[in-house]
Each structure stands twice: as C-alpha cells, then as structure tokens.
Amino acid sequence: MPVGELADRIGITPANPAVLKNGRAKAVRFARLSALCEVLECQPGDLLRWEAEDTAGR
C-alpha cells in the first residue's frame, strides 16, 4: 500500500508514516498504532521492534 493511501486511511499526513517506516519516530500513540493495525490487518508486534539502547556513551 502506498504511504499516501495509508496516511489517508488513518487520517494523518504522508510524512508521519514515512517517519515510522524509516525508524525515526521517537514515540507512537496507542491510537495511531491501533489505527495502523486496523488498516493493515496486523498485530502491534508485526510493526514494532525493540532495540537495546546504546549506553556506552553515558
């Protein structure tokens, strides 16, 4: 599904799904995650991935 169509279907600008897709999002609202899952017919775990923080620089 094109990013523009996805954005239209969940009611956001096309820039927002691009930020999520490219891994630049700092946070995702549960309502947005729910809308994404409904449109894409998936579960949150299909969209999210956990990565450990790099704590070496702290």
N, C-alpha and C. Protein backbone atom coordinates (compact mmCIF):
# COMPACT_ATOMS: atom_id res chain seq x y z
N MET A 1 0.86 -1.17 0.00
CA MET A 1 0.00 0.00 0.00
C MET A 1 0.90 1.23 0.00
N PRO A 2 0.65 2.18 -0.88
CA PRO A 2 1.46 3.41 -0.89
C PRO A 2 1.29 4.20 0.41
N VAL A 3 2.34 4.91 0.79
CA VAL A 3 2.34 5.68 2.04
C VAL A 3 1.20 6.70 2.04
N GLY A 4 0.95 7.34 0.91
CA GLY A 4 -0.12 8.33 0.85
C GLY A 4 -1.49 7.74 1.12
N GLU A 5 -1.74 6.55 0.57
CA GLU A 5 -3.02 5.88 0.82
C GLU A 5 -3.15 5.47 2.28
N LEU A 6 -2.07 4.95 2.86
CA LEU A 6 -2.09 4.58 4.28
C LEU A 6 -2.39 5.80 5.13
N ALA A 7 -1.73 6.90 4.85
CA ALA A 7 -1.95 8.14 5.61
C ALA A 7 -3.41 8.58 5.50
N ASP A 8 -3.97 8.55 4.31
CA ASP A 8 -5.37 8.92 4.12
C ASP A 8 -6.30 8.03 4.92
N ARG A 9 -6.03 6.75 4.92
CA ARG A 9 -6.92 5.80 5.59
C ARG A 9 -6.89 5.92 7.10
N ILE A 10 -5.77 6.39 7.68
CA ILE A 10 -5.73 6.55 9.14
C ILE A 10 -5.80 8.02 9.57
N GLY A 11 -5.92 8.93 8.59
CA GLY A 11 -6.16 10.33 8.90
C GLY A 11 -4.95 11.12 9.35
N ILE A 12 -3.80 10.87 8.76
CA ILE A 12 -2.59 11.61 9.10
C ILE A 12 -1.91 12.10 7.81
N THR A 13 -0.88 12.92 7.96
CA THR A 13 -0.15 13.39 6.78
C THR A 13 0.78 12.29 6.29
N PRO A 14 1.13 12.29 5.00
CA PRO A 14 2.04 11.27 4.47
C PRO A 14 3.42 11.28 5.11
N ALA A 15 3.82 12.38 5.70
CA ALA A 15 5.13 12.44 6.36
C ALA A 15 5.18 11.53 7.59
N ASN A 16 4.06 11.39 8.29
CA ASN A 16 4.06 10.59 9.53
C ASN A 16 4.36 9.11 9.30
N PRO A 17 3.70 8.43 8.36
CA PRO A 17 4.07 7.03 8.14
C PRO A 17 5.51 6.88 7.63
N ALA A 18 6.00 7.87 6.90
CA ALA A 18 7.38 7.81 6.42
C ALA A 18 8.35 7.84 7.59
N VAL A 19 8.06 8.67 8.59
CA VAL A 19 8.90 8.73 9.79
C VAL A 19 8.90 7.38 10.51
N LEU A 20 7.73 6.78 10.62
CA LEU A 20 7.64 5.46 11.26
C LEU A 20 8.39 4.41 10.46
N LYS A 21 8.19 4.41 9.15
CA LYS A 21 8.81 3.42 8.28
C LYS A 21 10.33 3.50 8.31
N ASN A 22 10.85 4.72 8.38
CA ASN A 22 12.30 4.91 8.35
C ASN A 22 12.96 4.80 9.73
N GLY A 23 12.16 4.51 10.76
CA GLY A 23 12.73 4.31 12.09
C GLY A 23 13.13 5.58 12.81
N ARG A 24 12.58 6.72 12.40
CA ARG A 24 12.96 7.99 13.03
C ARG A 24 11.97 8.44 14.10
N ALA A 25 10.92 7.67 14.33
CA ALA A 25 9.91 8.05 15.33
C ALA A 25 10.45 7.85 16.73
N LYS A 26 10.20 8.82 17.59
CA LYS A 26 10.60 8.72 18.99
C LYS A 26 9.53 8.04 19.83
N ALA A 27 8.28 8.14 19.37
CA ALA A 27 7.15 7.56 20.11
C ALA A 27 6.00 7.33 19.14
N VAL A 28 5.08 6.45 19.54
CA VAL A 28 3.88 6.19 18.75
C VAL A 28 2.70 6.16 19.71
N ARG A 29 1.70 6.96 19.44
CA ARG A 29 0.49 6.95 20.27
C ARG A 29 -0.26 5.63 20.06
N PHE A 30 -0.87 5.13 21.12
CA PHE A 30 -1.61 3.88 21.02
C PHE A 30 -2.75 3.99 20.01
N ALA A 31 -3.41 5.14 19.96
CA ALA A 31 -4.50 5.32 19.00
C ALA A 31 -3.98 5.20 17.57
N ARG A 32 -2.80 5.74 17.31
CA ARG A 32 -2.20 5.67 15.97
C ARG A 32 -1.79 4.23 15.66
N LEU A 33 -1.21 3.55 16.63
CA LEU A 33 -0.82 2.15 16.46
C LEU A 33 -2.04 1.28 16.19
N SER A 34 -3.11 1.55 16.92
CA SER A 34 -4.35 0.81 16.72
C SER A 34 -4.90 1.04 15.31
N ALA A 35 -4.89 2.29 14.85
CA ALA A 35 -5.38 2.60 13.51
C ALA A 35 -4.53 1.92 12.44
N LEU A 36 -3.22 1.93 12.63
CA LEU A 36 -2.32 1.26 11.69
C LEU A 36 -2.63 -0.23 11.62
N CYS A 37 -2.79 -0.84 12.77
CA CYS A 37 -3.07 -2.28 12.82
C CYS A 37 -4.41 -2.61 12.17
N GLU A 38 -5.40 -1.75 12.38
CA GLU A 38 -6.71 -2.00 11.79
C GLU A 38 -6.62 -1.93 10.26
N VAL A 39 -5.97 -0.90 9.73
CA VAL A 39 -5.87 -0.73 8.28
C VAL A 39 -5.01 -1.83 7.66
N LEU A 40 -3.93 -2.18 8.32
CA LEU A 40 -3.00 -3.18 7.77
C LEU A 40 -3.37 -4.61 8.14
N GLU A 41 -4.42 -4.76 8.98
CA GLU A 41 -4.87 -6.07 9.43
C GLU A 41 -3.71 -6.87 10.02
N CYS A 42 -3.10 -6.28 11.05
CA CYS A 42 -1.95 -6.92 11.69
C CYS A 42 -2.02 -6.70 13.20
N GLN A 43 -1.04 -7.19 13.90
CA GLN A 43 -0.90 -7.01 15.34
C GLN A 43 0.24 -6.02 15.61
N PRO A 44 0.24 -5.33 16.76
CA PRO A 44 1.30 -4.38 17.06
C PRO A 44 2.70 -4.99 16.95
N GLY A 45 2.86 -6.22 17.34
CA GLY A 45 4.16 -6.88 17.25
C GLY A 45 4.66 -7.05 15.83
N ASP A 46 3.76 -6.98 14.87
CA ASP A 46 4.16 -7.05 13.47
C ASP A 46 4.81 -5.75 13.02
N LEU A 47 4.54 -4.66 13.74
CA LEU A 47 5.03 -3.34 13.36
C LEU A 47 6.18 -2.84 14.23
N LEU A 48 6.26 -3.33 15.46
CA LEU A 48 7.24 -2.82 16.42
C LEU A 48 8.40 -3.78 16.62
N ARG A 49 9.55 -3.19 16.89
CA ARG A 49 10.74 -3.98 17.21
C ARG A 49 11.46 -3.28 18.35
N TRP A 50 11.88 -4.03 19.35
CA TRP A 50 12.61 -3.48 20.47
C TRP A 50 14.10 -3.58 20.19
N GLU A 51 14.82 -2.49 20.46
CA GLU A 51 16.27 -2.48 20.32
C GLU A 51 16.86 -1.92 21.61
N ALA A 52 17.89 -2.55 22.11
CA ALA A 52 18.54 -2.08 23.33
C ALA A 52 19.19 -0.73 23.06
N GLU A 53 19.15 0.15 24.07
CA GLU A 53 19.81 1.44 23.96
C GLU A 53 21.31 1.25 24.00
N ASP A 54 22.00 2.10 23.27
CA ASP A 54 23.46 2.11 23.33
C ASP A 54 23.85 2.96 24.53
N THR A 55 24.26 2.32 25.63
CA THR A 55 24.59 3.04 26.86
C THR A 55 26.07 3.31 27.00
N ALA A 56 26.87 2.99 26.00
CA ALA A 56 28.31 3.19 26.08
C ALA A 56 28.67 4.67 26.17
N GLY A 57 27.87 5.54 25.58
CA GLY A 57 28.16 6.97 25.59
C GLY A 57 27.68 7.69 26.83
N ARG A 58 27.11 6.99 27.78
CA ARG A 58 26.57 7.63 29.00
C ARG A 58 27.57 7.64 30.10
